[in-house]
C-alpha atoms as a PDB file:
ATOM      1  CA  UNK A   1      14.055 -11.624  -5.116  1.00  0.00           C
ATOM      2  CA  UNK A   2      14.221 -12.135  -1.473  1.00  0.00           C
ATOM      3  CA  UNK A   3      11.918 -13.232   1.110  1.00  0.00           C
ATOM      4  CA  UNK A   4      10.722 -12.385   4.555  1.00  0.00           C
ATOM      5  CA  UNK A   5      13.051 -15.063   5.729  1.00  0.00           C
ATOM      6  CA  UNK A   6      16.275 -14.118   4.357  1.00  0.00           C
ATOM      7  CA  UNK A   7      15.328 -10.291   4.845  1.00  0.00           C
ATOM      8  CA  UNK A   8      15.162 -11.284   8.788  1.00  0.00           C
ATOM      9  CA  UNK A   9      18.600 -13.147   8.766  1.00  0.00           C
ATOM     10  CA  UNK A  10      20.249 -10.124   6.970  1.00  0.00           C
ATOM     11  CA  UNK A  11      18.584  -7.618   9.452  1.00  0.00           C
ATOM     12  CA  UNK A  12      19.950  -9.665  12.151  1.00  0.00           C
ATOM     13  CA  UNK A  13      23.582  -9.750  10.796  1.00  0.00           C
ATOM     14  CA  UNK A  14      23.220  -5.979  10.329  1.00  0.00           C
ATOM     15  CA  UNK A  15      22.258  -5.373  13.886  1.00  0.00           C
ATOM     16  CA  UNK A  16      25.230  -7.675  15.186  1.00  0.00           C
ATOM     17  CA  UNK A  17      27.899  -5.534  12.880  1.00  0.00           C
ATOM     18  CA  UNK A  18      30.182  -3.276  15.111  1.00  0.00           C
ATOM     19  CA  UNK A  19      29.383  -0.562  13.022  1.00  0.00           C
ATOM     20  CA  UNK A  20      26.126   0.148  14.219  1.00  0.00           C
ATOM     21  CA  UNK A  21      26.117   3.082  16.742  1.00  0.00           C
ATOM     22  CA  UNK A  22      22.501   2.784  18.071  1.00  0.00           C
ATOM     23  CA  UNK A  23      19.123   1.019  17.211  1.00  0.00           C
ATOM     24  CA  UNK A  24      16.040   2.242  18.717  1.00  0.00           C
ATOM     25  CA  UNK A  25      13.584   0.125  20.180  1.00  0.00           C
ATOM     26  CA  UNK A  26      10.709  -1.190  18.243  1.00  0.00           C
ATOM     27  CA  UNK A  27       7.366   0.787  18.331  1.00  0.00           C
ATOM     28  CA  UNK A  28       4.455  -1.685  18.076  1.00  0.00           C
ATOM     29  CA  UNK A  29       2.087   1.550  17.828  1.00  0.00           C
ATOM     30  CA  UNK A  30       4.524   2.598  14.831  1.00  0.00           C
ATOM     31  CA  UNK A  31       2.573   1.975  11.246  1.00  0.00           C
ATOM     32  CA  UNK A  32       3.750   2.442   7.600  1.00  0.00           C
ATOM     33  CA  UNK A  33       2.226   5.788   6.723  1.00  0.00           C
ATOM     34  CA  UNK A  34       2.241   5.552   3.093  1.00  0.00           C
ATOM     35  CA  UNK A  35      -0.109   4.076   0.474  1.00  0.00           C
ATOM     36  CA  UNK A  36       2.028   2.381  -1.090  1.00  0.00           C
ATOM     37  CA  UNK A  37       2.996  -0.759   0.018  1.00  0.00           C
ATOM     38  CA  UNK A  38       5.923  -1.203   2.717  1.00  0.00           C
ATOM     39  CA  UNK A  39       9.209  -2.743   1.184  1.00  0.00           C
ATOM     40  CA  UNK A  40       9.592  -6.446   2.562  1.00  0.00           C
ATOM     41  CA  UNK A  41      13.045  -5.453   4.100  1.00  0.00           C
ATOM     42  CA  UNK A  42      11.966  -2.461   5.487  1.00  0.00           C
ATOM     43  CA  UNK A  43       9.126  -4.279   6.885  1.00  0.00           C
ATOM     44  CA  UNK A  44      11.690  -6.648   8.595  1.00  0.00           C
ATOM     45  CA  UNK A  45      14.257  -3.994  10.059  1.00  0.00           C
ATOM     46  CA  UNK A  46      11.340  -1.977  11.728  1.00  0.00           C
ATOM     47  CA  UNK A  47      10.195  -5.469  13.120  1.00  0.00           C
ATOM     48  CA  UNK A  48      13.898  -5.477  15.172  1.00  0.00           C
ATOM     49  CA  UNK A  49      14.186  -1.754  15.909  1.00  0.00           C
ATOM     50  CA  UNK A  50      12.530   1.508  14.708  1.00  0.00           C
ATOM     51  CA  UNK A  51      15.426   3.427  13.220  1.00  0.00           C
ATOM     52  CA  UNK A  52      19.132   2.851  13.163  1.00  0.00           C
ATOM     53  CA  UNK A  53      22.449   4.984  12.844  1.00  0.00           C
ATOM     54  CA  UNK A  54      25.804   3.608  12.086  1.00  0.00           C
ATOM     55  CA  UNK A  55      29.248   4.900  12.898  1.00  0.00           C
ATOM     56  CA  UNK A  56      29.423   7.029   9.696  1.00  0.00           C
ATOM     57  CA  UNK A  57      26.615   9.367  10.328  1.00  0.00           C
ATOM     58  CA  UNK A  58      24.039   7.242   8.322  1.00  0.00           C
ATOM     59  CA  UNK A  59      20.790   7.651   9.782  1.00  0.00           C
ATOM     60  CA  UNK A  60      17.679   5.507   8.775  1.00  0.00           C
ATOM     61  CA  UNK A  61      14.309   7.363  10.191  1.00  0.00           C
ATOM     62  CA  UNK A  62      11.929   5.517  12.263  1.00  0.00           C
ATOM     63  CA  UNK A  63       8.658   4.275  10.691  1.00  0.00           C
ATOM     64  CA  UNK A  64       6.897   6.577  12.847  1.00  0.00           C
ATOM     65  CA  UNK A  65       9.202   9.441  11.559  1.00  0.00           C
ATOM     66  CA  UNK A  66       9.057   8.905   7.567  1.00  0.00           C
ATOM     67  CA  UNK A  67       5.994  10.709   6.415  1.00  0.00           C
ATOM     68  CA  UNK A  68       6.176  13.990   8.685  1.00  0.00           C
ATOM     69  CA  UNK A  69       9.828  14.240   7.394  1.00  0.00           C
ATOM     70  CA  UNK A  70       8.939  13.690   3.871  1.00  0.00           C
ATOM     71  CA  UNK A  71       6.572  15.941   3.948  1.00  0.00           C
ATOM     72  CA  UNK A  72       8.098  18.975   5.633  1.00  0.00           C
ATOM     73  CA  UNK A  73      11.229  18.670   3.357  1.00  0.00           C
ATOM     74  CA  UNK A  74       8.852  18.648   0.163  1.00  0.00           C
ATOM     75  CA  UNK A  75       6.902  21.643   1.556  1.00  0.00           C
ATOM     76  CA  UNK A  76       9.736  23.538   2.964  1.00  0.00           C
ATOM     77  CA  UNK A  77      11.966  23.299  -0.404  1.00  0.00           C
ATOM     78  CA  UNK A  78       8.800  23.112  -2.768  1.00  0.00           C
ATOM     79  CA  UNK A  79       9.472  20.111  -4.076  1.00  0.00           C
ATOM     80  CA  UNK A  80       7.649  18.248  -6.778  1.00  0.00           C
ATOM     81  CA  UNK A  81       8.633  14.662  -5.825  1.00  0.00           C
ATOM     82  CA  UNK A  82       5.917  12.047  -6.717  1.00  0.00           C
ATOM     83  CA  UNK A  83       4.030  10.337  -3.835  1.00  0.00           C
ATOM     84  CA  UNK A  84       6.257   7.334  -4.122  1.00  0.00           C
ATOM     85  CA  UNK A  85       9.534   9.017  -2.961  1.00  0.00           C
ATOM     86  CA  UNK A  86       9.950   8.991   0.584  1.00  0.00           C
ATOM     87  CA  UNK A  87      12.857  10.512   2.851  1.00  0.00           C
ATOM     88  CA  UNK A  88      14.266   7.471   4.391  1.00  0.00           C
ATOM     89  CA  UNK A  89      17.228   8.895   6.243  1.00  0.00           C
ATOM     90  CA  UNK A  90      20.359  11.008   6.548  1.00  0.00           C
ATOM     91  CA  UNK A  91      24.045  11.292   6.459  1.00  0.00           C
ATOM     92  CA  UNK A  92      25.761  14.522   7.353  1.00  0.00           C
ATOM     93  CA  UNK A  93      24.424  17.037   4.453  1.00  0.00           C
ATOM     94  CA  UNK A  94      22.904  14.000   2.524  1.00  0.00           C
ATOM     95  CA  UNK A  95      19.280  13.175   2.487  1.00  0.00           C
ATOM     96  CA  UNK A  96      18.677   9.559   1.922  1.00  0.00           C
ATOM     97  CA  UNK A  97      15.546   8.837  -0.022  1.00  0.00           C
ATOM     98  CA  UNK A  98      13.761   5.646  -0.844  1.00  0.00           C
ATOM     99  CA  UNK A  99      12.079   5.463  -4.423  1.00  0.00           C
ATOM    100  CA  UNK A 100       9.216   2.835  -4.264  1.00  0.00           C
ATOM    101  CA  UNK A 101       8.771   3.566  -8.276  1.00  0.00           C
ATOM    102  CA  UNK A 102       5.428   1.762  -7.811  1.00  0.00           C
ATOM    103  CA  UNK A 103       4.569   2.675 -11.818  1.00  0.00           C
ATOM    104  CA  UNK A 104       7.795   1.473 -12.800  1.00  0.00           C
ATOM    105  CA  UNK A 105       8.899   4.670 -14.480  1.00  0.00           C
ATOM    106  CA  UNK A 106      12.436   5.024 -12.872  1.00  0.00           C
ATOM    107  CA  UNK A 107      14.250   1.551 -13.642  1.00  0.00           C
ATOM    108  CA  UNK A 108      12.777   0.229 -10.673  1.00  0.00           C
ATOM    109  CA  UNK A 109      13.524   2.958  -8.228  1.00  0.00           C
ATOM    110  CA  UNK A 110      15.820   2.092  -4.971  1.00  0.00           C
ATOM    111  CA  UNK A 111      17.969   3.412  -2.527  1.00  0.00           C
ATOM    112  CA  UNK A 112      18.918   7.487  -3.608  1.00  0.00           C
ATOM    113  CA  UNK A 113      21.163   9.848  -2.126  1.00  0.00           C
ATOM    114  CA  UNK A 114      21.048  13.337  -3.002  1.00  0.00           C
ATOM    115  CA  UNK A 115      22.782  16.645  -1.506  1.00  0.00           C
ATOM    116  CA  UNK A 116      20.811  18.803   0.557  1.00  0.00           C
ATOM    117  CA  UNK A 117      21.605  21.639  -1.522  1.00  0.00           C
ATOM    118  CA  UNK A 118      20.925  20.237  -4.621  1.00  0.00           C
ATOM    119  CA  UNK A 119      17.704  17.839  -4.123  1.00  0.00           C
ATOM    120  CA  UNK A 120      16.991  17.212  -7.760  1.00  0.00           C
ATOM    121  CA  UNK A 121      20.302  15.130  -8.859  1.00  0.00           C
ATOM    122  CA  UNK A 122      19.707  11.780  -7.411  1.00  0.00           C
ATOM    123  CA  UNK A 123      22.632   9.150  -7.257  1.00  0.00           C
ATOM    124  CA  UNK A 124      21.006   5.302  -6.748  1.00  0.00           C
ATOM    125  CA  UNK A 125      23.271   3.705  -4.686  1.00  0.00           C
ATOM    126  CA  UNK A 126      21.241   0.568  -3.578  1.00  0.00           C
ATOM    127  CA  UNK A 127      18.463  -1.622  -4.241  1.00  0.00           C
ATOM    128  CA  UNK A 128      16.845  -1.074  -0.983  1.00  0.00           C
ATOM    129  CA  UNK A 129      17.571   0.076   2.623  1.00  0.00           C
ATOM    130  CA  UNK A 130      18.227  -2.708   4.258  1.00  0.00           C
ATOM    131  CA  UNK A 131      21.010  -3.545   1.337  1.00  0.00           C
ATOM    132  CA  UNK A 132      22.234  -0.081   1.623  1.00  0.00           C
ATOM    133  CA  UNK A 133      22.843  -0.153   5.359  1.00  0.00           C
ATOM    134  CA  UNK A 134      24.740  -3.910   4.747  1.00  0.00           C
ATOM    135  CA  UNK A 135      27.052  -2.256   2.211  1.00  0.00           C
ATOM    136  CA  UNK A 136      27.864   0.812   4.352  1.00  0.00           C
ATOM    137  CA  UNK A 137      28.847  -1.013   7.369  1.00  0.00           C
ATOM    138  CA  UNK A 138      30.608  -3.330   5.390  1.00  0.00           C
ATOM    139  CA  UNK A 139      28.616  -6.267   6.621  1.00  0.00           C
ATOM    140  CA  UNK A 140      27.478  -7.727   3.211  1.00  0.00           C
ATOM    141  CA  UNK A 141      27.246  -7.035  -0.263  1.00  0.00           C
ATOM    142  CA  UNK A 142      23.600  -5.883  -2.312  1.00  0.00           C
ATOM    143  CA  UNK A 143      21.802  -8.990  -3.150  1.00  0.00           C
ATOM    144  CA  UNK A 144      20.319  -7.031  -6.349  1.00  0.00           C
ATOM    145  CA  UNK A 145      22.291  -4.132  -6.904  1.00  0.00           C
ATOM    146  CA  UNK A 146      20.939  -1.615  -9.548  1.00  0.00           C
ATOM    147  CA  UNK A 147      22.425  -1.206 -12.781  1.00  0.00           C
ATOM    148  CA  UNK A 148      24.679   1.681 -12.041  1.00  0.00           C
ATOM    149  CA  UNK A 149      26.402   0.104  -9.253  1.00  0.00           C
ATOM    150  CA  UNK A 150      27.040  -3.368 -11.165  1.00  0.00           C
ATOM    151  CA  UNK A 151      28.685  -1.286 -13.815  1.00  0.00           C
ATOM    152  CA  UNK A 152      30.935   0.707 -11.944  1.00  0.00           C
ATOM    153  CA  UNK A 153      32.180  -2.754 -10.223  1.00  0.00           C
ATOM    154  CA  UNK A 154      32.504  -4.058 -13.258  1.00  0.00           C
ATOM    155  CA  UNK A 155      34.694  -1.035 -14.706  1.00  0.00           C
ATOM    156  CA  UNK A 156      36.741  -1.667 -11.622  1.00  0.00           C
ATOM    157  CA  UNK A 157      37.471  -5.003 -12.288  1.00  0.00           C
ATOM    158  CA  UNK A 158      37.961  -4.630 -16.050  1.00  0.00           C
ATOM    159  CA  UNK A 159      35.265  -7.180 -16.595  1.00  0.00           C
ATOM    160  CA  UNK A 160      34.184  -6.043 -20.298  1.00  0.00           C
ATOM    161  CA  UNK A 161      31.400  -8.476 -20.365  1.00  0.00           C
ATOM    162  CA  UNK A 162      29.882  -7.800 -17.296  1.00  0.00           C
ATOM    163  CA  UNK A 163      30.188  -3.928 -18.064  1.00  0.00           C
ATOM    164  CA  UNK A 164      28.269  -4.384 -21.023  1.00  0.00           C
ATOM    165  CA  UNK A 165      25.270  -6.233 -19.414  1.00  0.00           C
ATOM    166  CA  UNK A 166      25.213  -3.973 -16.522  1.00  0.00           C
ATOM    167  CA  UNK A 167      25.131  -1.132 -19.007  1.00  0.00           C
ATOM    168  CA  UNK A 168      22.261  -2.477 -20.726  1.00  0.00           C
ATOM    169  CA  UNK A 169      20.139  -2.633 -17.869  1.00  0.00           C
ATOM    170  CA  UNK A 170      17.816   0.454 -16.940  1.00  0.00           C
ATOM    171  CA  UNK A 171      19.600   3.157 -15.424  1.00  0.00           C
ATOM    172  CA  UNK A 172      18.006   5.598 -13.255  1.00  0.00           C
ATOM    173  CA  UNK A 173      16.809   9.038 -14.664  1.00  0.00           C
ATOM    174  CA  UNK A 174      19.796  11.892 -14.141  1.00  0.00           C
ATOM    175  CA  UNK A 175      22.513   9.358 -14.422  1.00  0.00           C
ATOM    176  CA  UNK A 176      23.250   9.722 -18.175  1.00  0.00           C
ATOM    177  CA  UNK A 177      26.637  11.803 -17.495  1.00  0.00           C
ATOM    178  CA  UNK A 178      27.885   8.799 -15.422  1.00  0.00           C
ATOM    179  CA  UNK A 179      26.356   5.893 -17.840  1.00  0.00           C
ATOM    180  CA  UNK A 180      28.235   7.959 -20.742  1.00  0.00           C
ATOM    181  CA  UNK A 181      31.800   8.199 -18.782  1.00  0.00           C
ATOM    182  CA  UNK A 182      31.180   3.996 -18.022  1.00  0.00           C
ATOM    183  CA  UNK A 183      30.488   3.382 -21.776  1.00  0.00           C
ATOM    184  CA  UNK A 184      33.547   5.300 -22.389  1.00  0.00           C
ATOM    185  CA  UNK A 185      35.554   3.380 -20.040  1.00  0.00           C
ATOM    186  CA  UNK A 186      34.162   0.207 -21.969  1.00  0.00           C
ATOM    187  CA  UNK A 187      35.131   1.371 -25.444  1.00  0.00           C
ATOM    188  CA  UNK A 188      38.898   1.731 -23.842  1.00  0.00           C
ATOM    189  CA  UNK A 189      38.514  -1.792 -22.494  1.00  0.00           C
ATOM    190  CA  UNK A 190      37.478  -3.165 -25.660  1.00  0.00           C
ATOM    191  CA  UNK A 191      40.284  -1.132 -27.649  1.00  0.00           C
ATOM    192  CA  UNK A 192      42.960  -2.730 -24.942  1.00  0.00           C
ATOM    193  CA  UNK A 193      41.426  -5.876 -26.244  1.00  0.00           C
ATOM    194  CA  UNK A 194      42.147  -4.904 -29.776  1.00  0.00           C
ATOM    195  CA  UNK A 195      38.224  -5.364 -30.740  1.00  0.00           C
ATOM    196  CA  UNK A 196      37.809  -2.418 -32.875  1.00  0.00           C
ATOM    197  CA  UNK A 197      34.046  -3.099 -33.814  1.00  0.00           C
ATOM    198  CA  UNK A 198      32.900  -3.471 -30.178  1.00  0.00           C
ATOM    199  CA  UNK A 199      34.911  -0.483 -29.153  1.00  0.00           C
ATOM    200  CA  UNK A 200      33.335   1.977 -31.728  1.00  0.00           C
ATOM    201  CA  UNK A 201      29.764   0.327 -30.543  1.00  0.00           C
ATOM    202  CA  UNK A 202      30.648   1.473 -27.152  1.00  0.00           C
ATOM    203  CA  UNK A 203      31.879   4.902 -28.065  1.00  0.00           C
ATOM    204  CA  UNK A 204      28.793   5.678 -29.931  1.00  0.00           C
ATOM    205  CA  UNK A 205      26.444   4.761 -26.846  1.00  0.00           C
ATOM    206  CA  UNK A 206      28.762   7.416 -24.766  1.00  0.00           C
ATOM    207  CA  UNK A 207      28.411  10.028 -27.128  1.00  0.00           C
ATOM    208  CA  UNK A 208      24.449   9.229 -27.262  1.00  0.00           C
ATOM    209  CA  UNK A 209      24.333   9.264 -23.340  1.00  0.00           C
ATOM    210  CA  UNK A 210      26.197  12.647 -23.228  1.00  0.00           C
ATOM    211  CA  UNK A 211      23.626  13.969 -26.001  1.00  0.00           C
ATOM    212  CA  UNK A 212      20.718  12.850 -24.303  1.00  0.00           C
ATOM    213  CA  UNK A 213      21.173  15.660 -21.539  1.00  0.00           C
ATOM    214  CA  UNK A 214      22.107  18.453 -23.544  1.00  0.00           C
ATOM    215  CA  UNK A 215      19.575  20.886 -25.694  1.00  0.00           C
ATOM    216  CA  UNK A 216      19.416  21.400 -29.421  1.00  0.00           C
ATOM    217  CA  UNK A 217      21.366  24.164 -29.234  1.00  0.00           C
ATOM    218  CA  UNK A 218      24.343  22.618 -27.686  1.00  0.00           C
ATOM    219  CA  UNK A 219      24.349  19.349 -29.176  1.00  0.00           C
ATOM    220  CA  UNK A 220      26.830  19.824 -31.881  1.00  0.00           C
ATOM    221  CA  UNK A 221      29.759  20.847 -29.408  1.00  0.00           C
ATOM    222  CA  UNK A 222      28.779  18.023 -26.931  1.00  0.00           C
ATOM    223  CA  UNK A 223      29.255  15.541 -29.884  1.00  0.00           C
ATOM    224  CA  UNK A 224      32.407  17.004 -30.987  1.00  0.00           C
ATOM    225  CA  UNK A 225      33.260  16.903 -27.173  1.00  0.00           C
ATOM    226  CA  UNK A 226      32.232  13.635 -26.709  1.00  0.00           C
ATOM    227  CA  UNK A 227      33.784  11.719 -29.995  1.00  0.00           C
ATOM    228  CA  UNK A 228      37.012  13.913 -29.109  1.00  0.00           C
ATOM    229  CA  UNK A 229      37.055  11.932 -25.633  1.00  0.00           C
ATOM    230  CA  UNK A 230      37.069   8.722 -27.450  1.00  0.00           C
ATOM    231  CA  UNK A 231      40.020   9.522 -29.758  1.00  0.00           C
ATOM    232  CA  UNK A 232      41.917  10.394 -26.542  1.00  0.00           C
ATOM    233  CA  UNK A 233      41.122   7.134 -24.852  1.00  0.00           C
ATOM    234  CA  UNK A 234      41.328   5.290 -27.827  1.00  0.00           C
ATOM    235  CA  UNK A 235      44.727   6.700 -28.539  1.00  0.00           C
ATOM    236  CA  UNK A 236      46.211   6.123 -24.881  1.00  0.00           C
ATOM    237  CA  UNK A 237      45.243   2.222 -25.344  1.00  0.00           C
ATOM    238  CA  UNK A 238      47.130   2.182 -28.453  1.00  0.00           C
ATOM    239  CA  UNK A 239      44.003   1.577 -30.782  1.00  0.00           C
ATOM    240  CA  UNK A 240      45.252   3.945 -33.530  1.00  0.00           C
ATOM    241  CA  UNK A 241      42.917   2.503 -35.951  1.00  0.00           C
ATOM    242  CA  UNK A 242      39.766   2.814 -33.541  1.00  0.00           C
ATOM    243  CA  UNK A 243      41.382   6.543 -32.655  1.00  0.00           C
ATOM    244  CA  UNK A 244      41.141   7.852 -36.213  1.00  0.00           C
ATOM    245  CA  UNK A 245      37.798   6.544 -36.802  1.00  0.00           C
ATOM    246  CA  UNK A 246      36.645   8.620 -33.641  1.00  0.00           C
ATOM    247  CA  UNK A 247      38.318  11.567 -35.193  1.00  0.00           C
ATOM    248  CA  UNK A 248      36.749  11.353 -38.160  1.00  0.00           C
ATOM    249  CA  UNK A 249      33.238  11.202 -36.167  1.00  0.00           C
ATOM    250  CA  UNK A 250      33.936  14.469 -34.211  1.00  0.00           C
ATOM    251  CA  UNK A 251      34.221  16.545 -37.534  1.00  0.00           C
END
């Protein structure tokens, strides 16, 4: 885990980026407005500026704005957000939220993006606000990327072992569809490598992830659809034996 020194260094790196459009002056009178502890990376950021905006429209609010903005959104939209989920910023029609996950029930929390018109569908995009800004500005990588980010990165490079390790990490609630698609991709990679046993195990996990978000009435249709997707993927990779077994399981 990063220490205060490395957070300070990474904050300086961010502020030196040409992608930073503006950085508000530090407000010594602004205090952290929540009962839960302020994350170390945010503390380092607010030590150098009270809010920041990138040239792609990302804006992180000042420390003194966080409570009012969060309270307004929760009340205005009638949200049932837990008290450790706060609004940290915005990007066009996207709300940037910070999940502190102080009770350890949401896979460690992190930075989430959620559409302003669907404030219950979160996508975890970074481990913390500073890492989020560094990645968005193209300045540095996330030092501790969440499982979803690691898995997508491994899928892009075709690294089977890294993808499997990432998928075994805790995933943010609501990411089941994404996770199911990544398990499907892992099954495809194993199929290309002619590793039928691992391919079928990955396809099983893909089916399970899809079923996790379906009610009882739709489970059989979803199971068939998930296994049929595995059939197509295996066959497209030339793994006919795996495709036949997936067809059997789809019945």
